[in-house]
Amino acid sequence: MYKVSSLALLLATAISPICLSQQIGCEGLNGFSDFDFWVGEWEVFDSSTGAKVGEDTIQKIESGCMLLEHWRGVSGSTGTSLTYYNPVTREWRQVWVSEDRFSIDIVGNIRGDSMLLEGSIYNFAGAVWDFRGNWTPRPDGSVHKFLEQFNHDSNEWDTWLNFHYVSKERG
C-alpha cells in the first residue's frame, strides 16, 4: 500500500507543474479574433429583396476558441454551426448542420477584408457539391454573407444565399 501511495504522490508531483502551467482560452492569440466581426445577435435580410429571412446568433465559446451559431429562419428552418481557428494550419473551419438533412464543411481564411471559406455541401441522400462562403464586415457594423454552390450541370457557381446581417443591438 505504501508503494502505491508513494508512486501516486510522485506522479502527481511530476504532472502538476505541466497541468498548472497550461494556459486556458484563446483570447488574444493570433488568428482567433479574425471572425469576431460576425459575433452577435443578428436580424438577417435577403440582400436582393430586403425581406427578413431569419435571425442568427453567433457567440464565442470555449474561452474564445470557437464560435457557435444558431440559425432560425422565418420559415421555421434551423441550423447550427461550429467555427474554429486551427493555429497549426492557420485556417478557419466551419461545420454546419441543418435539420433539412444537409451539412456544410468549409475551410479558409481572411482574404482582403472578407472571410472566405471553401469546401463541400453534403446532401444526406448522398450528393456532394463544391461550396464556398464569403463574410464581409461593413463600415456600419453589419455583415454581408454570400454563399455559392457549384452547379455541375452548368459548370458555374450559383448563388445559394445573399444575406445582410444587421445587429439587434445597433438596429
Protein backbone atom coordinates (compact mmCIF):
# COMPACT_ATOMS: atom_id res chain seq x y z
CA MET A 1 0.00 0.00 0.00
CA TYR A 2 2.86 2.36 0.89
CA LYS A 3 4.48 1.77 -2.53
CA VAL A 4 1.25 2.58 -4.40
CA SER A 5 0.72 5.79 -2.40
CA SER A 6 4.32 6.85 -2.95
CA LEU A 7 4.02 6.21 -6.68
CA ALA A 8 0.79 8.19 -6.87
CA LEU A 9 2.39 11.09 -4.99
CA LEU A 10 5.43 11.00 -7.27
CA LEU A 11 3.26 11.04 -10.42
CA ALA A 12 1.07 13.85 -9.08
CA THR A 13 4.16 15.91 -8.26
CA ALA A 14 5.62 15.34 -11.72
CA ILE A 15 2.40 16.07 -13.62
CA SER A 16 1.14 19.05 -11.54
CA PRO A 17 3.53 21.67 -13.00
CA ILE A 18 2.55 20.61 -16.52
CA CYS A 19 -1.18 20.87 -15.78
CA LEU A 20 -0.87 24.11 -13.84
CA SER A 21 1.27 25.79 -16.48
CA GLN A 22 -1.15 25.01 -19.30
CA GLN A 23 -2.85 28.19 -20.41
CA ILE A 24 -6.60 28.25 -20.88
CA GLY A 25 -8.53 30.12 -23.56
CA CYS A 26 -7.73 31.64 -26.90
CA GLU A 27 -8.50 35.33 -26.32
CA GLY A 28 -5.60 37.43 -27.52
CA LEU A 29 -3.90 34.66 -29.51
CA ASN A 30 -3.07 35.35 -33.16
CA GLY A 31 -5.86 34.42 -35.57
CA PHE A 32 -8.61 33.70 -33.05
CA SER A 33 -10.22 37.15 -33.36
CA ASP A 34 -10.34 37.22 -37.19
CA PHE A 35 -14.04 36.28 -37.25
CA ASP A 36 -15.11 38.44 -34.28
CA PHE A 37 -16.92 40.81 -36.63
CA TRP A 38 -19.59 38.09 -37.04
CA VAL A 39 -20.18 37.55 -33.31
CA GLY A 40 -23.52 38.89 -32.09
CA GLU A 41 -27.30 38.76 -32.23
CA TRP A 42 -28.46 39.42 -35.79
CA GLU A 43 -31.57 40.07 -37.82
CA VAL A 44 -30.91 38.69 -41.29
CA PHE A 45 -32.31 40.09 -44.54
CA ASP A 46 -32.20 38.97 -48.17
CA SER A 47 -29.78 41.39 -49.85
CA SER A 48 -31.80 41.41 -53.08
CA THR A 49 -35.33 41.93 -51.73
CA GLY A 50 -34.74 43.39 -48.28
CA ALA A 51 -37.15 40.85 -46.79
CA LYS A 52 -36.31 39.48 -43.36
CA VAL A 53 -35.25 35.83 -43.72
CA GLY A 54 -34.34 34.97 -40.15
CA GLU A 55 -32.30 35.57 -37.05
CA ASP A 56 -28.81 34.31 -36.27
CA THR A 57 -26.91 34.19 -33.01
CA ILE A 58 -23.13 33.80 -33.14
CA GLN A 59 -21.31 33.55 -29.82
CA LYS A 60 -17.76 32.89 -28.73
CA ILE A 61 -17.48 29.76 -26.59
CA GLU A 62 -14.70 27.69 -25.02
CA SER A 63 -12.94 30.82 -23.74
CA GLY A 64 -12.77 32.37 -27.20
CA CYS A 65 -11.52 29.26 -29.01
CA MET A 66 -14.71 28.60 -31.01
CA LEU A 67 -17.82 30.24 -32.47
CA LEU A 68 -21.26 28.68 -32.06
CA GLU A 69 -24.03 29.67 -34.48
CA HIS A 70 -27.77 29.13 -34.05
CA TRP A 71 -29.86 29.96 -37.15
CA ARG A 72 -33.66 30.39 -37.09
CA GLY A 73 -35.33 31.15 -40.41
CA VAL A 74 -38.69 32.92 -40.63
CA SER A 75 -39.99 29.82 -42.44
CA GLY A 76 -39.09 27.66 -39.44
CA SER A 77 -35.76 26.33 -40.73
CA THR A 78 -32.94 25.87 -38.24
CA GLY A 79 -29.24 25.17 -38.38
CA THR A 80 -26.18 25.13 -36.17
CA SER A 81 -22.52 25.63 -36.92
CA LEU A 82 -19.27 25.33 -35.06
CA THR A 83 -16.48 27.50 -36.43
CA TYR A 84 -12.96 27.45 -35.09
CA TYR A 85 -9.45 28.62 -35.89
CA ASN A 86 -6.72 26.00 -36.08
CA PRO A 87 -3.42 27.69 -35.16
CA VAL A 88 -1.42 24.78 -36.59
CA THR A 89 -2.91 25.01 -40.11
CA ARG A 90 -3.69 28.73 -39.69
CA GLU A 91 -7.15 28.16 -41.13
CA TRP A 92 -10.72 28.61 -40.01
CA ARG A 93 -13.08 25.65 -40.32
CA GLN A 94 -16.86 25.72 -40.20
CA VAL A 95 -19.07 22.66 -39.88
CA TRP A 96 -22.77 23.47 -40.31
CA VAL A 97 -25.65 21.03 -39.93
CA SER A 98 -29.32 21.61 -40.70
CA GLU A 99 -32.47 19.72 -39.89
CA ASP A 100 -33.07 19.96 -43.64
CA ARG A 101 -30.69 16.99 -43.95
CA PHE A 102 -27.55 18.59 -45.24
CA SER A 103 -24.24 19.73 -43.84
CA ILE A 104 -21.51 22.12 -44.91
CA ASP A 105 -17.80 21.65 -44.22
CA ILE A 106 -15.69 24.62 -45.33
CA VAL A 107 -12.18 25.86 -44.56
CA GLY A 108 -10.32 29.10 -45.24
CA ASN A 109 -9.06 32.40 -44.00
CA ILE A 110 -9.26 36.17 -44.18
CA ARG A 111 -8.63 37.39 -47.71
CA GLY A 112 -8.61 41.14 -48.05
CA ASP A 113 -11.46 42.44 -45.90
CA SER A 114 -13.51 39.20 -46.01
CA MET A 115 -13.51 35.73 -44.50
CA LEU A 116 -13.53 33.22 -47.37
CA LEU A 117 -14.22 29.56 -46.61
CA GLU A 118 -14.35 26.81 -49.24
CA GLY A 119 -15.22 23.12 -49.17
CA SER A 120 -18.30 20.98 -49.68
CA ILE A 121 -22.00 20.78 -49.03
CA TYR A 122 -23.41 17.31 -48.40
CA ASN A 123 -26.99 16.25 -49.02
CA PHE A 124 -27.75 13.43 -46.58
CA ALA A 125 -29.15 11.42 -49.53
CA GLY A 126 -25.56 11.15 -50.79
CA ALA A 127 -24.89 14.10 -53.12
CA VAL A 128 -21.84 16.35 -52.71
CA TRP A 129 -21.18 19.77 -54.27
CA ASP A 130 -18.33 22.26 -54.04
CA PHE A 131 -19.34 25.13 -51.79
CA ARG A 132 -17.91 28.46 -50.66
CA GLY A 133 -18.85 31.31 -48.37
CA ASN A 134 -17.78 34.90 -48.04
CA TRP A 135 -18.43 37.05 -44.92
CA THR A 136 -17.64 40.76 -45.24
CA PRO A 137 -17.94 43.29 -42.41
CA ARG A 138 -19.42 46.65 -43.41
CA PRO A 139 -18.43 50.07 -42.00
CA ASP A 140 -21.86 50.40 -40.32
CA GLY A 141 -21.27 47.21 -38.29
CA SER A 142 -23.45 45.00 -40.48
CA VAL A 143 -22.12 41.89 -42.22
CA HIS A 144 -22.68 40.68 -45.79
CA LYS A 145 -22.83 36.89 -46.11
CA PHE A 146 -22.68 35.40 -49.59
CA LEU A 147 -22.73 31.63 -50.19
CA GLU A 148 -22.33 29.80 -53.51
CA GLN A 149 -22.74 26.20 -54.63
CA PHE A 150 -21.05 24.81 -57.72
CA ASN A 151 -23.52 23.62 -60.36
CA HIS A 152 -22.08 20.55 -62.09
CA ASP A 153 -24.60 20.81 -64.95
CA SER A 154 -23.70 24.38 -65.95
CA ASN A 155 -20.12 24.33 -64.60
CA GLU A 156 -20.84 27.65 -62.89
CA TRP A 157 -21.21 28.91 -59.34
CA ASP A 158 -24.84 29.51 -58.33
CA THR A 159 -25.80 31.88 -55.54
CA TRP A 160 -27.01 29.84 -52.59
CA LEU A 161 -27.79 32.83 -50.39
CA ASN A 162 -27.05 36.54 -50.31
CA PHE A 163 -27.76 37.92 -46.82
CA HIS A 164 -27.33 41.17 -44.97
CA TYR A 165 -26.81 40.82 -41.19
CA VAL A 166 -27.95 43.75 -39.02
CA SER A 167 -27.08 43.75 -35.34
CA LYS A 168 -30.08 43.67 -32.99
CA GLU A 169 -28.11 45.96 -30.67
CA ARG A 170 -27.33 48.54 -33.34
CA GLY A 171 -30.69 48.22 -35.10
